[in-house]
PDB file of all heavy atoms in Angstrom:
ATOM      1  N   ILE A   1     144.198  51.741  63.943  1.00  0.00           N
ATOM      2  CA  ILE A   1     144.226  53.156  63.295  1.00  0.00           C
ATOM      3  C   ILE A   1     142.906  53.303  62.635  1.00  0.00           C
ATOM      4  O   ILE A   1     142.485  52.287  61.748  1.00  0.00           O
ATOM      5  CB  ILE A   1     145.416  53.299  62.404  1.00  0.00           C
ATOM      6  CG1 ILE A   1     146.690  53.140  63.192  1.00  0.00           C
ATOM      7  CG2 ILE A   1     145.320  54.667  61.833  1.00  0.00           C
ATOM      8  CD1 ILE A   1     148.010  53.390  62.340  1.00  0.00           C
ATOM      9  N   ARG A   2     142.184  54.438  62.674  1.00  0.00           N
ATOM     10  CA  ARG A   2     141.160  54.761  61.923  1.00  0.00           C
ATOM     11  C   ARG A   2     141.203  56.103  61.107  1.00  0.00           C
ATOM     12  O   ARG A   2     141.861  56.996  61.640  1.00  0.00           O
ATOM     13  CB  ARG A   2     139.868  54.833  62.817  1.00  0.00           C
ATOM     14  CG  ARG A   2     139.432  53.708  63.468  1.00  0.00           C
ATOM     15  CD  ARG A   2     139.052  52.618  62.435  1.00  0.00           C
ATOM     16  NE  ARG A   2     138.511  51.232  63.084  1.00  0.00           N
ATOM     17  CZ  ARG A   2     139.332  50.242  63.229  1.00  0.00           C
ATOM     18  NH1 ARG A   2     140.530  50.268  62.785  1.00  0.00           N
ATOM     19  NH2 ARG A   2     138.741  49.159  63.735  1.00  0.00           N
ATOM     20  N   PHE A   3     140.827  56.022  59.940  1.00  0.00           N
ATOM     21  CA  PHE A   3     141.055  57.240  59.015  1.00  0.00           C
ATOM     22  C   PHE A   3     139.803  57.980  58.869  1.00  0.00           C
ATOM     23  O   PHE A   3     138.777  57.382  58.452  1.00  0.00           O
ATOM     24  CB  PHE A   3     141.656  56.820  57.667  1.00  0.00           C
ATOM     25  CG  PHE A   3     142.912  56.048  57.656  1.00  0.00           C
ATOM     26  CD1 PHE A   3     143.104  54.765  57.905  1.00  0.00           C
ATOM     27  CD2 PHE A   3     144.167  56.770  57.537  1.00  0.00           C
ATOM     28  CE1 PHE A   3     144.249  53.962  57.935  1.00  0.00           C
ATOM     29  CE2 PHE A   3     145.426  56.158  57.602  1.00  0.00           C
ATOM     30  CZ  PHE A   3     145.437  54.695  57.727  1.00  0.00           C
ATOM     31  N   HIS A   4     139.871  59.290  59.015  1.00  0.00           N
ATOM     32  CA  HIS A   4     138.672  60.099  58.884  1.00  0.00           C
ATOM     33  C   HIS A   4     139.126  61.096  57.821  1.00  0.00           C
ATOM     34  O   HIS A   4     139.775  62.157  58.177  1.00  0.00           O
ATOM     35  CB  HIS A   4     138.227  60.832  60.122  1.00  0.00           C
ATOM     36  CG  HIS A   4     138.137  59.749  61.247  1.00  0.00           C
ATOM     37  ND1 HIS A   4     136.794  59.221  61.514  1.00  0.00           N
ATOM     38  CD2 HIS A   4     138.870  59.299  62.219  1.00  0.00           C
ATOM     39  CE1 HIS A   4     136.942  58.337  62.594  1.00  0.00           C
ATOM     40  NE2 HIS A   4     138.229  58.340  62.980  1.00  0.00           N
ATOM     41  N   VAL A   5     138.721  60.984  56.507  1.00  0.00           N
ATOM     42  CA  VAL A   5     139.372  61.663  55.404  1.00  0.00           C
ATOM     43  C   VAL A   5     138.430  62.608  54.784  1.00  0.00           C
ATOM     44  O   VAL A   5     137.191  62.242  54.471  1.00  0.00           O
ATOM     45  CB  VAL A   5     140.003  60.587  54.423  1.00  0.00           C
ATOM     46  CG1 VAL A   5     141.144  59.865  55.077  1.00  0.00           C
ATOM     47  CG2 VAL A   5     138.969  59.688  53.944  1.00  0.00           C
ATOM     48  N   LEU A   6     138.916  63.784  54.458  1.00  0.00           N
ATOM     49  CA  LEU A   6     138.158  64.806  53.749  1.00  0.00           C
ATOM     50  C   LEU A   6     138.543  64.962  52.300  1.00  0.00           C
ATOM     51  O   LEU A   6     139.659  65.010  51.952  1.00  0.00           O
ATOM     52  CB  LEU A   6     138.227  66.029  54.507  1.00  0.00           C
ATOM     53  CG  LEU A   6     138.002  66.027  56.074  1.00  0.00           C
ATOM     54  CD1 LEU A   6     138.640  67.195  56.724  1.00  0.00           C
ATOM     55  CD2 LEU A   6     136.485  65.881  56.167  1.00  0.00           C
ATOM     56  N   SER A   7     137.523  64.885  51.443  1.00  0.00           N
ATOM     57  CA  SER A   7     137.861  64.995  49.955  1.00  0.00           C
ATOM     58  C   SER A   7     138.217  66.541  49.624  1.00  0.00           C
ATOM     59  O   SER A   7     137.572  67.305  50.246  1.00  0.00           O
ATOM     60  CB  SER A   7     136.755  64.446  49.078  1.00  0.00           C
ATOM     61  OG  SER A   7     135.530  64.977  49.446  1.00  0.00           O
ATOM     62  N   ASP A   8     139.037  66.706  48.740  1.00  0.00           N
ATOM     63  CA  ASP A   8     139.641  68.016  48.547  1.00  0.00           C
ATOM     64  C   ASP A   8     138.889  68.874  47.477  1.00  0.00           C
ATOM     65  O   ASP A   8     137.939  69.488  47.717  1.00  0.00           O
ATOM     66  CB  ASP A   8     141.027  67.860  48.098  1.00  0.00           C
ATOM     67  CG  ASP A   8     141.931  69.152  48.119  1.00  0.00           C
ATOM     68  OD1 ASP A   8     141.261  70.202  48.030  1.00  0.00           O
ATOM     69  OD2 ASP A   8     143.141  69.164  48.056  1.00  0.00           O
ATOM     70  N   GLY A   9     139.214  68.693  46.231  1.00  0.00           N
ATOM     71  CA  GLY A   9     138.362  69.388  45.004  1.00  0.00           C
ATOM     72  C   GLY A   9     138.795  70.835  44.886  1.00  0.00           C
ATOM     73  O   GLY A   9     138.115  71.511  44.091  1.00  0.00           O
ATOM     74  N   ARG A  10     139.785  71.270  45.787  1.00  0.00           N
ATOM     75  CA  ARG A  10     140.069  72.709  45.569  1.00  0.00           C
ATOM     76  C   ARG A  10     141.574  72.771  45.133  1.00  0.00           C
ATOM     77  O   ARG A  10     142.004  73.563  44.320  1.00  0.00           O
ATOM     78  CB  ARG A  10     139.951  73.489  46.812  1.00  0.00           C
ATOM     79  CG  ARG A  10     138.412  73.708  47.113  1.00  0.00           C
ATOM     80  CD  ARG A  10     138.131  74.494  48.395  1.00  0.00           C
ATOM     81  NE  ARG A  10     138.594  75.961  48.110  1.00  0.00           N
ATOM     82  CZ  ARG A  10     138.096  76.874  49.022  1.00  0.00           C
ATOM     83  NH1 ARG A  10     137.254  76.615  50.086  1.00  0.00           N
ATOM     84  NH2 ARG A  10     138.397  78.112  48.820  1.00  0.00           N
ATOM     85  N   ASP A  11     142.449  72.072  45.889  1.00  0.00           N
ATOM     86  CA  ASP A  11     143.898  72.142  45.523  1.00  0.00           C
ATOM     87  C   ASP A  11     144.349  70.987  44.601  1.00  0.00           C
ATOM     88  O   ASP A  11     145.429  70.914  44.209  1.00  0.00           O
ATOM     89  CB  ASP A  11     144.618  71.955  46.878  1.00  0.00           C
ATOM     90  CG  ASP A  11     144.251  73.124  47.946  1.00  0.00           C
ATOM     91  OD1 ASP A  11     144.011  74.223  47.354  1.00  0.00           O
ATOM     92  OD2 ASP A  11     144.062  72.757  49.041  1.00  0.00           O
ATOM     93  N   VAL A  12     143.390  70.112  44.230  1.00  0.00           N
ATOM     94  CA  VAL A  12     143.644  69.065  43.272  1.00  0.00           C
ATOM     95  C   VAL A  12     142.302  69.032  42.384  1.00  0.00           C
ATOM     96  O   VAL A  12     141.340  69.679  42.688  1.00  0.00           O
ATOM     97  CB  VAL A  12     143.923  67.702  43.903  1.00  0.00           C
ATOM     98  CG1 VAL A  12     145.255  67.843  44.739  1.00  0.00           C
ATOM     99  CG2 VAL A  12     142.638  67.265  44.819  1.00  0.00           C
ATOM    100  N   ASP A  13     142.427  68.142  41.375  1.00  0.00           N
ATOM    101  CA  ASP A  13     141.215  67.951  40.624  1.00  0.00           C
ATOM    102  C   ASP A  13     139.927  67.703  41.345  1.00  0.00           C
ATOM    103  O   ASP A  13     139.835  67.007  42.270  1.00  0.00           O
ATOM    104  CB  ASP A  13     141.413  66.676  39.660  1.00  0.00           C
ATOM    105  CG  ASP A  13     140.376  66.489  38.586  1.00  0.00           C
ATOM    106  OD1 ASP A  13     139.246  66.628  38.900  1.00  0.00           O
ATOM    107  OD2 ASP A  13     140.827  66.241  37.414  1.00  0.00           O
ATOM    108  N   GLU A  14     138.854  68.642  41.057  1.00  0.00           N
ATOM    109  CA  GLU A  14     137.653  68.428  41.737  1.00  0.00           C
ATOM    110  C   GLU A  14     136.876  67.107  41.737  1.00  0.00           C
ATOM    111  O   GLU A  14     135.957  66.934  42.335  1.00  0.00           O
ATOM    112  CB  GLU A  14     136.781  69.538  41.384  1.00  0.00           C
ATOM    113  CG  GLU A  14     136.138  69.614  40.009  1.00  0.00           C
ATOM    114  CD  GLU A  14     135.062  70.634  39.820  1.00  0.00           C
ATOM    115  OE1 GLU A  14     134.426  71.102  40.841  1.00  0.00           O
ATOM    116  OE2 GLU A  14     134.743  70.965  38.720  1.00  0.00           O
ATOM    117  N   ASN A  15     137.347  66.288  40.795  1.00  0.00           N
ATOM    118  CA  ASN A  15     136.678  64.872  40.633  1.00  0.00           C
ATOM    119  C   ASN A  15     137.633  63.792  40.919  1.00  0.00           C
ATOM    120  O   ASN A  15     137.645  62.843  40.170  1.00  0.00           O
ATOM    121  CB  ASN A  15     135.984  64.870  39.280  1.00  0.00           C
ATOM    122  CG  ASN A  15     134.888  65.732  39.272  1.00  0.00           C
ATOM    123  OD1 ASN A  15     134.010  65.873  40.074  1.00  0.00           O
ATOM    124  ND2 ASN A  15     134.826  66.532  38.162  1.00  0.00           N
ATOM    125  N   SER A  16     138.484  63.931  41.939  1.00  0.00           N
ATOM    126  CA  SER A  16     139.527  62.991  42.191  1.00  0.00           C
ATOM    127  C   SER A  16     139.237  62.153  43.505  1.00  0.00           C
ATOM    128  O   SER A  16     140.159  61.330  43.897  1.00  0.00           O
ATOM    129  CB  SER A  16     140.917  63.401  42.134  1.00  0.00           C
ATOM    130  OG  SER A  16     141.028  64.479  43.055  1.00  0.00           O
ATOM    131  N   ALA A  17     138.193  62.386  44.258  1.00  0.00           N
ATOM    132  CA  ALA A  17     137.972  61.855  45.461  1.00  0.00           C
ATOM    133  C   ALA A  17     137.872  60.332  45.525  1.00  0.00           C
ATOM    134  O   ALA A  17     138.436  59.629  46.259  1.00  0.00           O
ATOM    135  CB  ALA A  17     136.640  62.376  46.035  1.00  0.00           C
ATOM    136  N   VAL A  18     137.228  59.820  44.424  1.00  0.00           N
ATOM    137  CA  VAL A  18     137.125  58.323  44.291  1.00  0.00           C
ATOM    138  C   VAL A  18     138.487  57.707  44.192  1.00  0.00           C
ATOM    139  O   VAL A  18     138.802  56.752  44.812  1.00  0.00           O
ATOM    140  CB  VAL A  18     136.141  57.955  43.245  1.00  0.00           C
ATOM    141  CG1 VAL A  18     136.289  56.446  42.875  1.00  0.00           C
ATOM    142  CG2 VAL A  18     134.777  58.491  43.506  1.00  0.00           C
ATOM    143  N   ALA A  19     139.350  58.336  43.370  1.00  0.00           N
ATOM    144  CA  ALA A  19     140.721  57.867  43.154  1.00  0.00           C
ATOM    145  C   ALA A  19     141.497  57.890  44.394  1.00  0.00           C
ATOM    146  O   ALA A  19     142.305  56.890  44.659  1.00  0.00           O
ATOM    147  CB  ALA A  19     141.471  58.566  42.089  1.00  0.00           C
ATOM    148  N   TRP A  20     141.342  58.919  45.189  1.00  0.00           N
ATOM    149  CA  TRP A  20     142.170  59.049  46.424  1.00  0.00           C
ATOM    150  C   TRP A  20     141.607  57.988  47.536  1.00  0.00           C
ATOM    151  O   TRP A  20     142.510  57.467  48.126  1.00  0.00           O
ATOM    152  CB  TRP A  20     142.062  60.435  46.968  1.00  0.00           C
ATOM    153  CG  TRP A  20     142.936  61.433  46.297  1.00  0.00           C
ATOM    154  CD1 TRP A  20     142.776  62.366  45.486  1.00  0.00           C
ATOM    155  CD2 TRP A  20     144.443  61.323  46.411  1.00  0.00           C
ATOM    156  NE1 TRP A  20     143.874  62.965  45.002  1.00  0.00           N
ATOM    157  CE2 TRP A  20     144.987  62.350  45.636  1.00  0.00           C
ATOM    158  CE3 TRP A  20     145.339  60.490  47.192  1.00  0.00           C
ATOM    159  CZ2 TRP A  20     146.343  62.645  45.525  1.00  0.00           C
ATOM    160  CZ3 TRP A  20     146.715  60.783  47.148  1.00  0.00           C
ATOM    161  CH2 TRP A  20     147.211  61.856  46.330  1.00  0.00           C
ATOM    162  N   VAL A  21     140.389  57.828  47.580  1.00  0.00           N
ATOM    163  CA  VAL A  21     139.871  56.834  48.556  1.00  0.00           C
ATOM    164  C   VAL A  21     140.363  55.475  48.099  1.00  0.00           C
ATOM    165  O   VAL A  21     140.742  54.623  48.980  1.00  0.00           O
ATOM    166  CB  VAL A  21     138.366  57.012  48.772  1.00  0.00           C
ATOM    167  CG1 VAL A  21     137.816  55.811  49.583  1.00  0.00           C
ATOM    168  CG2 VAL A  21     137.911  58.220  49.328  1.00  0.00           C
ATOM    169  N   ALA A  22     140.363  55.266  46.891  1.00  0.00           N
ATOM    170  CA  ALA A  22     140.780  53.932  46.396  1.00  0.00           C
ATOM    171  C   ALA A  22     142.179  53.616  46.678  1.00  0.00           C
ATOM    172  O   ALA A  22     142.635  52.595  47.026  1.00  0.00           O
ATOM    173  CB  ALA A  22     140.470  53.850  44.861  1.00  0.00           C
ATOM    174  N   ARG A  23     142.986  54.784  46.441  1.00  0.00           N
ATOM    175  CA  ARG A  23     144.396  54.652  46.913  1.00  0.00           C
ATOM    176  C   ARG A  23     144.629  54.349  48.341  1.00  0.00           C
ATOM    177  O   ARG A  23     145.489  53.460  48.674  1.00  0.00           O
ATOM    178  CB  ARG A  23     145.158  55.914  46.350  1.00  0.00           C
ATOM    179  CG  ARG A  23     146.666  55.969  46.727  1.00  0.00           C
ATOM    180  CD  ARG A  23     147.348  57.112  46.110  1.00  0.00           C
ATOM    181  NE  ARG A  23     148.755  57.089  46.475  1.00  0.00           N
ATOM    182  CZ  ARG A  23     149.630  58.111  46.077  1.00  0.00           C
ATOM    183  NH1 ARG A  23     149.185  59.034  45.445  1.00  0.00           N
ATOM    184  NH2 ARG A  23     150.875  58.003  46.544  1.00  0.00           N
ATOM    185  N   LEU A  24     143.903  55.085  49.206  1.00  0.00           N
ATOM    186  CA  LEU A  24     144.099  54.853  50.553  1.00  0.00           C
ATOM    187  C   LEU A  24     143.602  53.432  50.994  1.00  0.00           C
ATOM    188  O   LEU A  24     144.388  52.847  51.787  1.00  0.00           O
ATOM    189  CB  LEU A  24     143.215  55.931  51.359  1.00  0.00           C
ATOM    190  CG  LEU A  24     143.239  55.679  52.869  1.00  0.00           C
ATOM    191  CD1 LEU A  24     144.727  55.728  53.547  1.00  0.00           C
ATOM    192  CD2 LEU A  24     142.378  56.797  53.635  1.00  0.00           C
ATOM    193  N   GLN A  25     142.570  52.976  50.327  1.00  0.00           N
ATOM    194  CA  GLN A  25     141.930  51.636  50.730  1.00  0.00           C
ATOM    195  C   GLN A  25     143.008  50.573  50.283  1.00  0.00           C
ATOM    196  O   GLN A  25     143.244  49.585  51.096  1.00  0.00           O
ATOM    197  CB  GLN A  25     140.663  51.376  50.001  1.00  0.00           C
ATOM    198  CG  GLN A  25     140.071  50.036  50.391  1.00  0.00           C
ATOM    199  CD  GLN A  25     139.646  49.980  51.818  1.00  0.00           C
ATOM    200  OE1 GLN A  25     138.922  50.648  52.354  1.00  0.00           O
ATOM    201  NE2 GLN A  25     140.407  48.949  52.635  1.00  0.00           N
ATOM    202  N   LYS A  26     143.662  50.804  49.135  1.00  0.00           N
ATOM    203  CA  LYS A  26     144.725  49.816  48.739  1.00  0.00           C
ATOM    204  C   LYS A  26     145.843  49.843  49.741  1.00  0.00           C
ATOM    205  O   LYS A  26     146.377  48.718  50.098  1.00  0.00           O
ATOM    206  CB  LYS A  26     145.211  50.279  47.373  1.00  0.00           C
ATOM    207  CG  LYS A  26     146.328  49.351  46.807  1.00  0.00           C
ATOM    208  CD  LYS A  26     146.861  49.732  45.364  1.00  0.00           C
ATOM    209  CE  LYS A  26     147.895  48.874  44.823  1.00  0.00           C
ATOM    210  NZ  LYS A  26     148.321  49.385  43.490  1.00  0.00           N
ATOM    211  N   ASP A  27     146.385  50.982  50.219  1.00  0.00           N
ATOM    212  CA  ASP A  27     147.418  51.086  51.277  1.00  0.00           C
ATOM    213  C   ASP A  27     146.872  50.459  52.570  1.00  0.00           C
ATOM    214  O   ASP A  27     147.736  49.815  53.242  1.00  0.00           O
ATOM    215  CB  ASP A  27     147.837  52.499  51.463  1.00  0.00           C
ATOM    216  CG  ASP A  27     148.708  53.042  50.306  1.00  0.00           C
ATOM    217  OD1 ASP A  27     149.259  52.255  49.462  1.00  0.00           O
ATOM    218  OD2 ASP A  27     148.893  54.281  50.241  1.00  0.00           O
ATOM    219  N   VAL A  28     145.741  50.727  52.780  1.00  0.00           N
ATOM    220  CA  VAL A  28     145.152  50.144  54.209  1.00  0.00           C
ATOM    221  C   VAL A  28     145.269  48.643  54.123  1.00  0.00           C
ATOM    222  O   VAL A  28     145.624  47.896  55.107  1.00  0.00           O
ATOM    223  CB  VAL A  28     143.743  50.622  54.482  1.00  0.00           C
ATOM    224  CG1 VAL A  28     143.096  49.717  55.502  1.00  0.00           C
ATOM    225  CG2 VAL A  28     143.783  52.095  54.921  1.00  0.00           C
ATOM    226  N   ASP A  29     144.838  48.005  52.850  1.00  0.00           N
ATOM    227  CA  ASP A  29     144.910  46.589  52.813  1.00  0.00           C
ATOM    228  C   ASP A  29     146.270  46.085  52.887  1.00  0.00           C
ATOM    229  O   ASP A  29     146.494  44.995  53.378  1.00  0.00           O
ATOM    230  CB  ASP A  29     144.351  46.213  51.407  1.00  0.00           C
ATOM    231  CG  ASP A  29     142.828  46.515  51.358  1.00  0.00           C
ATOM    232  OD1 ASP A  29     142.196  46.669  52.411  1.00  0.00           O
ATOM    233  OD2 ASP A  29     142.240  46.572  50.209  1.00  0.00           O
ATOM    234  N   ALA A  30     147.189  46.766  52.304  1.00  0.00           N
ATOM    235  CA  ALA A  30     148.616  46.467  52.318  1.00  0.00           C
ATOM    236  C   ALA A  30     149.191  46.410  53.702  1.00  0.00           C
ATOM    237  O   ALA A  30     149.971  45.553  54.192  1.00  0.00           O
ATOM    238  CB  ALA A  30     149.442  47.330  51.386  1.00  0.00           C
ATOM    239  N   TRP A  31     148.866  47.512  54.468  1.00  0.00           N
ATOM    240  CA  TRP A  31     149.304  47.575  55.876  1.00  0.00           C
ATOM    241  C   TRP A  31     148.842  46.496  56.622  1.00  0.00           C
ATOM    242  O   TRP A  31     149.464  45.841  57.478  1.00  0.00           O
ATOM    243  CB  TRP A  31     148.912  48.977  56.470  1.00  0.00           C
ATOM    244  CG  TRP A  31     149.855  50.107  56.206  1.00  0.00           C
ATOM    245  CD1 TRP A  31     151.123  50.143  56.206  1.00  0.00           C
ATOM    246  CD2 TRP A  31     149.363  51.461  55.737  1.00  0.00           C
ATOM    247  NE1 TRP A  31     151.648  51.331  55.883  1.00  0.00           N
ATOM    248  CE2 TRP A  31     150.502  52.242  55.577  1.00  0.00           C
ATOM    249  CE3 TRP A  31     148.117  51.968  55.462  1.00  0.00           C
ATOM    250  CZ2 TRP A  31     150.493  53.533  55.217  1.00  0.00           C
ATOM    251  CZ3 TRP A  31     148.003  53.325  55.121  1.00  0.00           C
ATOM    252  CH2 TRP A  31     149.296  54.118  54.910  1.00  0.00           C
ATOM    253  N   ASN A  32     147.485  46.207  56.549  1.00  0.00           N
ATOM    254  CA  ASN A  32     146.875  45.092  57.330  1.00  0.00           C
ATOM    255  C   ASN A  32     147.519  43.720  56.908  1.00  0.00           C
ATOM    256  O   ASN A  32     147.690  42.887  57.749  1.00  0.00           O
ATOM    257  CB  ASN A  32     145.443  45.068  57.096  1.00  0.00           C
ATOM    258  CG  ASN A  32     144.626  46.109  57.853  1.00  0.00           C
ATOM    259  OD1 ASN A  32     144.998  46.416  58.971  1.00  0.00           O
ATOM    260  ND2 ASN A  32     143.540  46.694  57.283  1.00  0.00           N
ATOM    261  N   ALA A  33     147.774  43.597  55.602  1.00  0.00           N
ATOM    262  CA  ALA A  33     148.465  42.332  55.199  1.00  0.00           C
ATOM    263  C   ALA A  33     149.856  42.149  55.742  1.00  0.00           C
ATOM    264  O   ALA A  33     150.249  41.151  56.096  1.00  0.00           O
ATOM    265  CB  ALA A  33     148.475  42.257  53.708  1.00  0.00           C
ATOM    266  N   GLU A  34     150.655  43.378  55.731  1.00  0.00           N
ATOM    267  CA  GLU A  34     152.000  43.207  56.212  1.00  0.00           C
ATOM    268  C   GLU A  34     152.110  43.130  57.684  1.00  0.00           C
ATOM    269  O   GLU A  34     152.946  42.401  58.222  1.00  0.00           O
ATOM    270  CB  GLU A  34     152.764  44.511  55.814  1.00  0.00           C
ATOM    271  CG  GLU A  34     154.258  44.580  56.186  1.00  0.00           C
ATOM    272  CD  GLU A  34     154.840  45.721  55.688  1.00  0.00           C
ATOM    273  OE1 GLU A  34     154.313  46.494  55.120  1.00  0.00           O
ATOM    274  OE2 GLU A  34     156.144  45.971  56.119  1.00  0.00           O
ATOM    275  N   HIS A  35     151.190  43.643  58.477  1.00  0.00           N
ATOM    276  CA  HIS A  35     151.228  43.771  59.922  1.00  0.00           C
ATOM    277  C   HIS A  35     150.000  42.953  60.355  1.00  0.00           C
ATOM    278  O   HIS A  35     148.861  43.617  60.585  1.00  0.00           O
ATOM    279  CB  HIS A  35     151.213  45.109  60.536  1.00  0.00           C
ATOM    280  CG  HIS A  35     152.458  45.902  59.920  1.00  0.00           C
ATOM    281  ND1 HIS A  35     153.736  45.806  60.312  1.00  0.00           N
ATOM    282  CD2 HIS A  35     152.395  46.831  58.891  1.00  0.00           C
ATOM    283  CE1 HIS A  35     154.448  46.647  59.746  1.00  0.00           C
ATOM    284  NE2 HIS A  35     153.720  47.312  58.779  1.00  0.00           N
TER     285      HIS A  35
END
């Protein structure tokens, strides 16, 4: 699976992109570790 992700800044805090990518990366690492 490959993720192609667009940062928001309109419907959420306009400076939350780093936090969202960090969250996704943490989940990606967990998925890879589990499977």
